[in-house]
Amino acid sequence: MKESDRIDAMATGLRANGVEVEDGADWWIVHGRGAGGVAGGACCATHLDHRIAMSFLCLGLSTQNPVRIDDGGPITTSFPIFMNLMRGLGAKVDEVGA
């Protein structure tokens, strides 16, 4: 039993950011958009899962518009240096309430 349905959460967040995704109960197909082809701009639900949160922040490195997440707390707990590593890659990370 997983805490969250990661396949659904990822497919939902990718779609919200302009990526075409086909998915089923235990699979998905992501259609490529090419360099700079993903609009971004959505706020993604992390379902308190650090893997989902980090994935969407990484997506934001290549989108036309910023990608936001609803809660970064689980990242801090499981991977405390992640935000600094993202900044080292050139990401602009604004932590609300930090």
PDB file of N, CA and C in Angstrom:
ATOM      1  N   MET A   1       0.849  -1.183   0.000  1.00  0.00           N
ATOM      2  CA  MET A   1       0.000   0.000   0.000  1.00  0.00           C
ATOM      3  C   MET A   1       0.886   1.235   0.000  1.00  0.00           C
ATOM      4  N   LYS A   2       0.767   2.054  -0.999  1.00  0.00           N
ATOM      5  CA  LYS A   2       1.535   3.291  -1.104  1.00  0.00           C
ATOM      6  C   LYS A   2       0.766   4.422  -0.427  1.00  0.00           C
ATOM      7  N   GLU A   3       1.516   5.419   0.035  1.00  0.00           N
ATOM      8  CA  GLU A   3       0.888   6.575   0.666  1.00  0.00           C
ATOM      9  C   GLU A   3       0.113   7.402  -0.361  1.00  0.00           C
ATOM     10  N   SER A   4       0.596   7.365  -1.623  1.00  0.00           N
ATOM     11  CA  SER A   4      -0.044   8.131  -2.681  1.00  0.00           C
ATOM     12  C   SER A   4       0.026   7.328  -3.970  1.00  0.00           C
ATOM     13  N   ASP A   5      -0.846   7.646  -4.901  1.00  0.00           N
ATOM     14  CA  ASP A   5      -0.824   7.016  -6.211  1.00  0.00           C
ATOM     15  C   ASP A   5       0.112   7.842  -7.082  1.00  0.00           C
ATOM     16  N   ARG A   6       1.384   7.468  -7.104  1.00  0.00           N
ATOM     17  CA  ARG A   6       2.396   8.261  -7.802  1.00  0.00           C
ATOM     18  C   ARG A   6       2.151   8.356  -9.295  1.00  0.00           C
ATOM     19  N   ILE A   7       1.698   7.258  -9.901  1.00  0.00           N
ATOM     20  CA  ILE A   7       1.452   7.301 -11.346  1.00  0.00           C
ATOM     21  C   ILE A   7       0.387   8.350 -11.653  1.00  0.00           C
ATOM     22  N   ASP A   8      -0.707   8.337 -10.931  1.00  0.00           N
ATOM     23  CA  ASP A   8      -1.771   9.316 -11.158  1.00  0.00           C
ATOM     24  C   ASP A   8      -1.302  10.728 -10.833  1.00  0.00           C
ATOM     25  N   ALA A   9      -0.603  10.890  -9.727  1.00  0.00           N
ATOM     26  CA  ALA A   9      -0.129  12.221  -9.328  1.00  0.00           C
ATOM     27  C   ALA A   9       0.825  12.801 -10.372  1.00  0.00           C
ATOM     28  N   MET A  10       1.726  11.978 -10.879  1.00  0.00           N
ATOM     29  CA  MET A  10       2.674  12.456 -11.883  1.00  0.00           C
ATOM     30  C   MET A  10       1.964  12.765 -13.195  1.00  0.00           C
ATOM     31  N   ALA A  11       1.069  11.892 -13.629  1.00  0.00           N
ATOM     32  CA  ALA A  11       0.333  12.140 -14.871  1.00  0.00           C
ATOM     33  C   ALA A  11      -0.494  13.412 -14.763  1.00  0.00           C
ATOM     34  N   THR A  12      -1.148  13.613 -13.638  1.00  0.00           N
ATOM     35  CA  THR A  12      -1.965  14.812 -13.429  1.00  0.00           C
ATOM     36  C   THR A  12      -1.104  16.070 -13.471  1.00  0.00           C
ATOM     37  N   GLY A  13       0.019  16.055 -12.774  1.00  0.00           N
ATOM     38  CA  GLY A  13       0.901  17.224 -12.755  1.00  0.00           C
ATOM     39  C   GLY A  13       1.538  17.510 -14.108  1.00  0.00           C
ATOM     40  N   LEU A  14       1.932  16.452 -14.815  1.00  0.00           N
ATOM     41  CA  LEU A  14       2.496  16.653 -16.155  1.00  0.00           C
ATOM     42  C   LEU A  14       1.460  17.264 -17.082  1.00  0.00           C
ATOM     43  N   ARG A  15       0.237  16.745 -17.058  1.00  0.00           N
ATOM     44  CA  ARG A  15      -0.828  17.308 -17.897  1.00  0.00           C
ATOM     45  C   ARG A  15      -1.074  18.779 -17.552  1.00  0.00           C
ATOM     46  N   ALA A  16      -1.094  19.091 -16.264  1.00  0.00           N
ATOM     47  CA  ALA A  16      -1.331  20.475 -15.839  1.00  0.00           C
ATOM     48  C   ALA A  16      -0.258  21.418 -16.379  1.00  0.00           C
ATOM     49  N   ASN A  17       0.928  20.876 -16.640  1.00  0.00           N
ATOM     50  CA  ASN A  17       2.033  21.684 -17.149  1.00  0.00           C
ATOM     51  C   ASN A  17       2.175  21.605 -18.671  1.00  0.00           C
ATOM     52  N   GLY A  18       1.203  20.992 -19.334  1.00  0.00           N
ATOM     53  CA  GLY A  18       1.171  20.989 -20.784  1.00  0.00           C
ATOM     54  C   GLY A  18       1.806  19.798 -21.470  1.00  0.00           C
ATOM     55  N   VAL A  19       1.999  18.702 -20.740  1.00  0.00           N
ATOM     56  CA  VAL A  19       2.588  17.491 -21.313  1.00  0.00           C
ATOM     57  C   VAL A  19       1.465  16.502 -21.611  1.00  0.00           C
ATOM     58  N   GLU A  20       1.517  15.883 -22.794  1.00  0.00           N
ATOM     59  CA  GLU A  20       0.531  14.866 -23.145  1.00  0.00           C
ATOM     60  C   GLU A  20       0.939  13.542 -22.512  1.00  0.00           C
ATOM     61  N   VAL A  21       0.028  12.967 -21.722  1.00  0.00           N
ATOM     62  CA  VAL A  21       0.291  11.728 -21.004  1.00  0.00           C
ATOM     63  C   VAL A  21      -0.887  10.784 -21.189  1.00  0.00           C
ATOM     64  N   GLU A  22      -0.574   9.536 -21.505  1.00  0.00           N
ATOM     65  CA  GLU A  22      -1.565   8.468 -21.489  1.00  0.00           C
ATOM     66  C   GLU A  22      -1.209   7.605 -20.283  1.00  0.00           C
ATOM     67  N   ASP A  23      -2.217   7.190 -19.508  1.00  0.00           N
ATOM     68  CA  ASP A  23      -1.901   6.385 -18.330  1.00  0.00           C
ATOM     69  C   ASP A  23      -2.985   5.372 -18.029  1.00  0.00           C
ATOM     70  N   GLY A  24      -2.558   4.345 -17.320  1.00  0.00           N
ATOM     71  CA  GLY A  24      -3.464   3.310 -16.841  1.00  0.00           C
ATOM     72  C   GLY A  24      -3.153   3.039 -15.385  1.00  0.00           C
ATOM     73  N   ALA A  25      -3.661   1.943 -14.882  1.00  0.00           N
ATOM     74  CA  ALA A  25      -3.502   1.627 -13.458  1.00  0.00           C
ATOM     75  C   ALA A  25      -2.047   1.471 -13.049  1.00  0.00           C
ATOM     76  N   ASP A  26      -1.208   0.950 -13.937  1.00  0.00           N
ATOM     77  CA  ASP A  26       0.189   0.733 -13.560  1.00  0.00           C
ATOM     78  C   ASP A  26       1.159   1.038 -14.696  1.00  0.00           C
ATOM     79  N   TRP A  27       0.799   1.967 -15.572  1.00  0.00           N
ATOM     80  CA  TRP A  27       1.665   2.331 -16.699  1.00  0.00           C
ATOM     81  C   TRP A  27       1.352   3.751 -17.155  1.00  0.00           C
ATOM     82  N   TRP A  28       2.271   4.303 -17.940  1.00  0.00           N
ATOM     83  CA  TRP A  28       2.024   5.587 -18.586  1.00  0.00           C
ATOM     84  C   TRP A  28       2.927   5.758 -19.794  1.00  0.00           C
ATOM     85  N   ILE A  29       2.482   6.584 -20.694  1.00  0.00           N
ATOM     86  CA  ILE A  29       3.254   6.982 -21.858  1.00  0.00           C
ATOM     87  C   ILE A  29       3.309   8.500 -21.842  1.00  0.00           C
ATOM     88  N   VAL A  30       4.524   9.044 -21.882  1.00  0.00           N
ATOM     89  CA  VAL A  30       4.711  10.493 -21.908  1.00  0.00           C
ATOM     90  C   VAL A  30       5.184  10.864 -23.304  1.00  0.00           C
ATOM     91  N   HIS A  31       4.468  11.769 -23.942  1.00  0.00           N
ATOM     92  CA  HIS A  31       4.818  12.201 -25.288  1.00  0.00           C
ATOM     93  C   HIS A  31       5.768  13.394 -25.207  1.00  0.00           C
ATOM     94  N   GLY A  32       6.927  13.254 -25.821  1.00  0.00           N
ATOM     95  CA  GLY A  32       7.934  14.314 -25.788  1.00  0.00           C
ATOM     96  C   GLY A  32       7.455  15.598 -26.453  1.00  0.00           C
ATOM     97  N   ARG A  33       7.978  16.711 -25.991  1.00  0.00           N
ATOM     98  CA  ARG A  33       7.598  18.023 -26.519  1.00  0.00           C
ATOM     99  C   ARG A  33       8.798  18.767 -27.097  1.00  0.00           C
ATOM    100  N   GLY A  34       9.984  18.193 -27.001  1.00  0.00           N
ATOM    101  CA  GLY A  34      11.170  18.869 -27.515  1.00  0.00           C
ATOM    102  C   GLY A  34      11.667  19.941 -26.561  1.00  0.00           C
ATOM    103  N   ALA A  35      12.852  20.427 -26.833  1.00  0.00           N
ATOM    104  CA  ALA A  35      13.475  21.450 -25.984  1.00  0.00           C
ATOM    105  C   ALA A  35      12.586  22.690 -25.920  1.00  0.00           C
ATOM    106  N   GLY A  36      12.275  23.109 -24.706  1.00  0.00           N
ATOM    107  CA  GLY A  36      11.461  24.311 -24.501  1.00  0.00           C
ATOM    108  C   GLY A  36      10.002  24.143 -24.868  1.00  0.00           C
ATOM    109  N   GLY A  37       9.565  22.917 -25.108  1.00  0.00           N
ATOM    110  CA  GLY A  37       8.199  22.688 -25.555  1.00  0.00           C
ATOM    111  C   GLY A  37       7.166  22.497 -24.463  1.00  0.00           C
ATOM    112  N   VAL A  38       7.587  22.513 -23.211  1.00  0.00           N
ATOM    113  CA  VAL A  38       6.646  22.315 -22.106  1.00  0.00           C
ATOM    114  C   VAL A  38       6.321  23.669 -21.486  1.00  0.00           C
ATOM    115  N   ALA A  39       5.035  23.982 -21.458  1.00  0.00           N
ATOM    116  CA  ALA A  39       4.601  25.296 -20.978  1.00  0.00           C
ATOM    117  C   ALA A  39       4.915  25.524 -19.504  1.00  0.00           C
ATOM    118  N   GLY A  40       4.635  24.534 -18.649  1.00  0.00           N
ATOM    119  CA  GLY A  40       4.804  24.745 -17.211  1.00  0.00           C
ATOM    120  C   GLY A  40       3.715  25.661 -16.690  1.00  0.00           C
ATOM    121  N   GLY A  41       3.976  26.310 -15.563  1.00  0.00           N
ATOM    122  CA  GLY A  41       3.056  27.284 -15.003  1.00  0.00           C
ATOM    123  C   GLY A  41       2.061  26.756 -13.995  1.00  0.00           C
ATOM    124  N   ALA A  42       2.019  25.454 -13.777  1.00  0.00           N
ATOM    125  CA  ALA A  42       1.026  24.882 -12.857  1.00  0.00           C
ATOM    126  C   ALA A  42       1.606  24.680 -11.468  1.00  0.00           C
ATOM    127  N   CYS A  43       0.704  24.559 -10.508  1.00  0.00           N
ATOM    128  CA  CYS A  43       1.072  24.152  -9.153  1.00  0.00           C
ATOM    129  C   CYS A  43       0.681  22.689  -9.015  1.00  0.00           C
ATOM    130  N   CYS A  44       1.655  21.853  -8.698  1.00  0.00           N
ATOM    131  CA  CYS A  44       1.446  20.409  -8.647  1.00  0.00           C
ATOM    132  C   CYS A  44       1.244  19.926  -7.215  1.00  0.00           C
ATOM    133  N   ALA A  45       0.291  19.032  -7.060  1.00  0.00           N
ATOM    134  CA  ALA A  45       0.050  18.402  -5.763  1.00  0.00           C
ATOM    135  C   ALA A  45       1.103  17.321  -5.528  1.00  0.00           C
ATOM    136  N   THR A  46       1.783  17.393  -4.400  1.00  0.00           N
ATOM    137  CA  THR A  46       2.831  16.420  -4.085  1.00  0.00           C
ATOM    138  C   THR A  46       2.322  15.231  -3.289  1.00  0.00           C
ATOM    139  N   HIS A  47       1.160  15.362  -2.682  1.00  0.00           N
ATOM    140  CA  HIS A  47       0.600  14.305  -1.842  1.00  0.00           C
ATOM    141  C   HIS A  47       1.589  13.915  -0.737  1.00  0.00           C
ATOM    142  N   LEU A  48       2.351  14.897  -0.280  1.00  0.00           N
ATOM    143  CA  LEU A  48       3.351  14.736   0.768  1.00  0.00           C
ATOM    144  C   LEU A  48       4.418  13.695   0.419  1.00  0.00           C
ATOM    145  N   ASP A  49       4.683  13.528  -0.874  1.00  0.00           N
ATOM    146  CA  ASP A  49       5.658  12.561  -1.363  1.00  0.00           C
ATOM    147  C   ASP A  49       6.866  13.321  -1.907  1.00  0.00           C
ATOM    148  N   HIS A  50       8.025  13.135  -1.279  1.00  0.00           N
ATOM    149  CA  HIS A  50       9.215  13.886  -1.690  1.00  0.00           C
ATOM    150  C   HIS A  50       9.629  13.567  -3.120  1.00  0.00           C
ATOM    151  N   ARG A  51       9.376  12.356  -3.585  1.00  0.00           N
ATOM    152  CA  ARG A  51       9.755  11.993  -4.962  1.00  0.00           C
ATOM    153  C   ARG A  51       8.932  12.762  -5.972  1.00  0.00           C
ATOM    154  N   ILE A  52       7.641  12.914  -5.701  1.00  0.00           N
ATOM    155  CA  ILE A  52       6.772  13.685  -6.593  1.00  0.00           C
ATOM    156  C   ILE A  52       7.202  15.148  -6.573  1.00  0.00           C
ATOM    157  N   ALA A  53       7.433  15.679  -5.390  1.00  0.00           N
ATOM    158  CA  ALA A  53       7.839  17.081  -5.257  1.00  0.00           C
ATOM    159  C   ALA A  53       9.128  17.363  -6.017  1.00  0.00           C
ATOM    160  N   MET A  54      10.133  16.529  -5.830  1.00  0.00           N
ATOM    161  CA  MET A  54      11.425  16.748  -6.497  1.00  0.00           C
ATOM    162  C   MET A  54      11.297  16.586  -8.006  1.00  0.00           C
ATOM    163  N   SER A  55      10.486  15.657  -8.444  1.00  0.00           N
ATOM    164  CA  SER A  55      10.296  15.456  -9.885  1.00  0.00           C
ATOM    165  C   SER A  55       9.735  16.701 -10.550  1.00  0.00           C
ATOM    166  N   PHE A  56       8.731  17.317  -9.922  1.00  0.00           N
ATOM    167  CA  PHE A  56       8.145  18.504 -10.539  1.00  0.00           C
ATOM    168  C   PHE A  56       9.069  19.714 -10.468  1.00  0.00           C
ATOM    169  N   LEU A  57       9.866  19.813  -9.424  1.00  0.00           N
ATOM    170  CA  LEU A  57      10.842  20.900  -9.391  1.00  0.00           C
ATOM    171  C   LEU A  57      11.897  20.700 -10.480  1.00  0.00           C
ATOM    172  N   CYS A  58      12.280  19.462 -10.726  1.00  0.00           N
ATOM    173  CA  CYS A  58      13.222  19.188 -11.827  1.00  0.00           C
ATOM    174  C   CYS A  58      12.580  19.510 -13.171  1.00  0.00           C
ATOM    175  N   LEU A  59      11.304  19.193 -13.337  1.00  0.00           N
ATOM    176  CA  LEU A  59      10.599  19.552 -14.570  1.00  0.00           C
ATOM    177  C   LEU A  59      10.705  21.048 -14.823  1.00  0.00           C
ATOM    178  N   GLY A  60      10.604  21.833 -13.762  1.00  0.00           N
ATOM    179  CA  GLY A  60      10.659  23.286 -13.889  1.00  0.00           C
ATOM    180  C   GLY A  60      11.965  23.819 -14.451  1.00  0.00           C
ATOM    181  N   LEU A  61      13.014  23.001 -14.447  1.00  0.00           N
ATOM    182  CA  LEU A  61      14.285  23.432 -15.039  1.00  0.00           C
ATOM    183  C   LEU A  61      14.187  23.589 -16.549  1.00  0.00           C
ATOM    184  N   SER A  62      13.187  22.950 -17.163  1.00  0.00           N
ATOM    185  CA  SER A  62      13.115  22.980 -18.628  1.00  0.00           C
ATOM    186  C   SER A  62      11.791  23.499 -19.174  1.00  0.00           C
ATOM    187  N   THR A  63      10.981  24.117 -18.326  1.00  0.00           N
ATOM    188  CA  THR A  63       9.690  24.623 -18.785  1.00  0.00           C
ATOM    189  C   THR A  63       9.771  26.113 -19.131  1.00  0.00           C
ATOM    190  N   GLN A  64       8.793  26.556 -19.911  1.00  0.00           N
ATOM    191  CA  GLN A  64       8.724  27.964 -20.296  1.00  0.00           C
ATOM    192  C   GLN A  64       8.344  28.854 -19.115  1.00  0.00           C
ATOM    193  N   ASN A  65       7.537  28.328 -18.210  1.00  0.00           N
ATOM    194  CA  ASN A  65       7.067  29.060 -17.034  1.00  0.00           C
ATOM    195  C   ASN A  65       7.390  28.244 -15.786  1.00  0.00           C
ATOM    196  N   PRO A  66       7.525  28.901 -14.640  1.00  0.00           N
ATOM    197  CA  PRO A  66       7.862  28.182 -13.411  1.00  0.00           C
ATOM    198  C   PRO A  66       6.849  27.097 -13.061  1.00  0.00           C
ATOM    199  N   VAL A  67       7.338  26.046 -12.452  1.00  0.00           N
ATOM    200  CA  VAL A  67       6.493  24.977 -11.924  1.00  0.00           C
ATOM    201  C   VAL A  67       6.524  25.105 -10.404  1.00  0.00           C
ATOM    202  N   ARG A  68       5.343  25.079  -9.796  1.00  0.00           N
ATOM    203  CA  ARG A  68       5.248  25.187  -8.344  1.00  0.00           C
ATOM    204  C   ARG A  68       4.769  23.865  -7.759  1.00  0.00           C
ATOM    205  N   ILE A  69       5.096  23.642  -6.500  1.00  0.00           N
ATOM    206  CA  ILE A  69       4.582  22.480  -5.773  1.00  0.00           C
ATOM    207  C   ILE A  69       3.830  22.979  -4.550  1.00  0.00           C
ATOM    208  N   ASP A  70       2.886  22.180  -4.089  1.00  0.00           N
ATOM    209  CA  ASP A  70       2.063  22.616  -2.964  1.00  0.00           C
ATOM    210  C   ASP A  70       2.744  22.461  -1.612  1.00  0.00           C
ATOM    211  N   ASP A  71       3.755  21.592  -1.514  1.00  0.00           N
ATOM    212  CA  ASP A  71       4.414  21.392  -0.219  1.00  0.00           C
ATOM    213  C   ASP A  71       5.799  20.793  -0.426  1.00  0.00           C
ATOM    214  N   GLY A  72       6.820  21.526  -0.027  1.00  0.00           N
ATOM    215  CA  GLY A  72       8.190  21.041  -0.139  1.00  0.00           C
ATOM    216  C   GLY A  72       8.728  20.450   1.145  1.00  0.00           C
ATOM    217  N   GLY A  73       7.921  20.424   2.187  1.00  0.00           N
ATOM    218  CA  GLY A  73       8.361  19.906   3.479  1.00  0.00           C
ATOM    219  C   GLY A  73       8.960  18.509   3.431  1.00  0.00           C
ATOM    220  N   PRO A  74       8.319  17.581   2.724  1.00  0.00           N
ATOM    221  CA  PRO A  74       8.890  16.228   2.673  1.00  0.00           C
ATOM    222  C   PRO A  74      10.283  16.172   2.042  1.00  0.00           C
ATOM    223  N   ILE A  75      10.594  17.107   1.161  1.00  0.00           N
ATOM    224  CA  ILE A  75      11.937  17.142   0.553  1.00  0.00           C
ATOM    225  C   ILE A  75      12.966  17.435   1.631  1.00  0.00           C
ATOM    226  N   THR A  76      12.692  18.411   2.447  1.00  0.00           N
ATOM    227  CA  THR A  76      13.614  18.808   3.499  1.00  0.00           C
ATOM    228  C   THR A  76      13.905  17.653   4.446  1.00  0.00           C
ATOM    229  N   THR A  77      12.895  16.856   4.722  1.00  0.00           N
ATOM    230  CA  THR A  77      13.050  15.723   5.623  1.00  0.00           C
ATOM    231  C   THR A  77      13.913  14.621   5.009  1.00  0.00           C
ATOM    232  N   SER A  78      13.682  14.319   3.731  1.00  0.00           N
ATOM    233  CA  SER A  78      14.362  13.169   3.127  1.00  0.00           C
ATOM    234  C   SER A  78      15.655  13.520   2.398  1.00  0.00           C
ATOM    235  N   PHE A  79      15.785  14.767   1.915  1.00  0.00           N
ATOM    236  CA  PHE A  79      16.941  15.149   1.099  1.00  0.00           C
ATOM    237  C   PHE A  79      17.241  16.620   1.379  1.00  0.00           C
ATOM    238  N   PRO A  80      17.771  16.928   2.556  1.00  0.00           N
ATOM    239  CA  PRO A  80      17.902  18.313   3.013  1.00  0.00           C
ATOM    240  C   PRO A  80      18.726  19.232   2.110  1.00  0.00           C
ATOM    241  N   ILE A  81      19.612  18.698   1.290  1.00  0.00           N
ATOM    242  CA  ILE A  81      20.428  19.580   0.438  1.00  0.00           C
ATOM    243  C   ILE A  81      19.872  19.726  -0.982  1.00  0.00           C
ATOM    244  N   PHE A  82      18.698  19.161  -1.235  1.00  0.00           N
ATOM    245  CA  PHE A  82      18.121  19.185  -2.586  1.00  0.00           C
ATOM    246  C   PHE A  82      17.965  20.607  -3.120  1.00  0.00           C
ATOM    247  N   MET A  83      17.402  21.505  -2.346  1.00  0.00           N
ATOM    248  CA  MET A  83      17.164  22.874  -2.830  1.00  0.00           C
ATOM    249  C   MET A  83      18.486  23.561  -3.184  1.00  0.00           C
ATOM    250  N   ASN A  84      19.516  23.352  -2.378  1.00  0.00           N
ATOM    251  CA  ASN A  84      20.818  23.939  -2.701  1.00  0.00           C
ATOM    252  C   ASN A  84      21.382  23.339  -3.985  1.00  0.00           C
ATOM    253  N   LEU A  85      21.199  22.045  -4.187  1.00  0.00           N
ATOM    254  CA  LEU A  85      21.651  21.417  -5.428  1.00  0.00           C
ATOM    255  C   LEU A  85      20.894  21.983  -6.629  1.00  0.00           C
ATOM    256  N   MET A  86      19.590  22.189  -6.473  1.00  0.00           N
ATOM    257  CA  MET A  86      18.794  22.781  -7.562  1.00  0.00           C
ATOM    258  C   MET A  86      19.300  24.178  -7.898  1.00  0.00           C
ATOM    259  N   ARG A  87      19.566  24.960  -6.864  1.00  0.00           N
ATOM    260  CA  ARG A  87      20.106  26.311  -7.103  1.00  0.00           C
ATOM    261  C   ARG A  87      21.450  26.237  -7.826  1.00  0.00           C
ATOM    262  N   GLY A  88      22.266  25.229  -7.481  1.00  0.00           N
ATOM    263  CA  GLY A  88      23.545  25.038  -8.132  1.00  0.00           C
ATOM    264  C   GLY A  88      23.399  24.720  -9.613  1.00  0.00           C
ATOM    265  N   LEU A  89      22.251  24.176  -9.998  1.00  0.00           N
ATOM    266  CA  LEU A  89      21.959  23.885 -11.406  1.00  0.00           C
ATOM    267  C   LEU A  89      21.368  25.083 -12.125  1.00  0.00           C
ATOM    268  N   GLY A  90      21.143  26.165 -11.374  1.00  0.00           N
ATOM    269  CA  GLY A  90      20.592  27.365 -11.979  1.00  0.00           C
ATOM    270  C   GLY A  90      19.114  27.584 -11.722  1.00  0.00           C
ATOM    271  N   ALA A  91      18.509  26.745 -10.896  1.00  0.00           N
ATOM    272  CA  ALA A  91      17.096  26.903 -10.597  1.00  0.00           C
ATOM    273  C   ALA A  91      16.876  28.097  -9.685  1.00  0.00           C
ATOM    274  N   LYS A  92      15.800  28.819  -9.943  1.00  0.00           N
ATOM    275  CA  LYS A  92      15.362  29.890  -9.040  1.00  0.00           C
ATOM    276  C   LYS A  92      14.295  29.259  -8.153  1.00  0.00           C
ATOM    277  N   VAL A  93      14.639  29.034  -6.902  1.00  0.00           N
ATOM    278  CA  VAL A  93      13.733  28.379  -5.973  1.00  0.00           C
ATOM    279  C   VAL A  93      13.313  29.377  -4.909  1.00  0.00           C
ATOM    280  N   ASP A  94      12.025  29.659  -4.853  1.00  0.00           N
ATOM    281  CA  ASP A  94      11.468  30.523  -3.813  1.00  0.00           C
ATOM    282  C   ASP A  94      10.725  29.624  -2.842  1.00  0.00           C
ATOM    283  N   GLU A  95      11.164  29.607  -1.601  1.00  0.00           N
ATOM    284  CA  GLU A  95      10.500  28.803  -0.587  1.00  0.00           C
ATOM    285  C   GLU A  95       9.567  29.693   0.215  1.00  0.00           C
ATOM    286  N   VAL A  96       8.277  29.501   0.042  1.00  0.00           N
ATOM    287  CA  VAL A  96       7.271  30.283   0.739  1.00  0.00           C
ATOM    288  C   VAL A  96       7.186  29.809   2.172  1.00  0.00           C
ATOM    289  N   GLY A  97       7.230  30.724   3.111  1.00  0.00           N
ATOM    290  CA  GLY A  97       7.114  30.379   4.523  1.00  0.00           C
ATOM    291  C   GLY A  97       8.401  29.878   5.144  1.00  0.00           C
ATOM    292  N   ALA A  98       9.485  29.901   4.395  1.00  0.00           N
ATOM    293  CA  ALA A  98      10.761  29.415   4.939  1.00  0.00           C
ATOM    294  C   ALA A  98      11.461  30.497   5.722  1.00  0.00           C
TER     295      ALA A  98
END
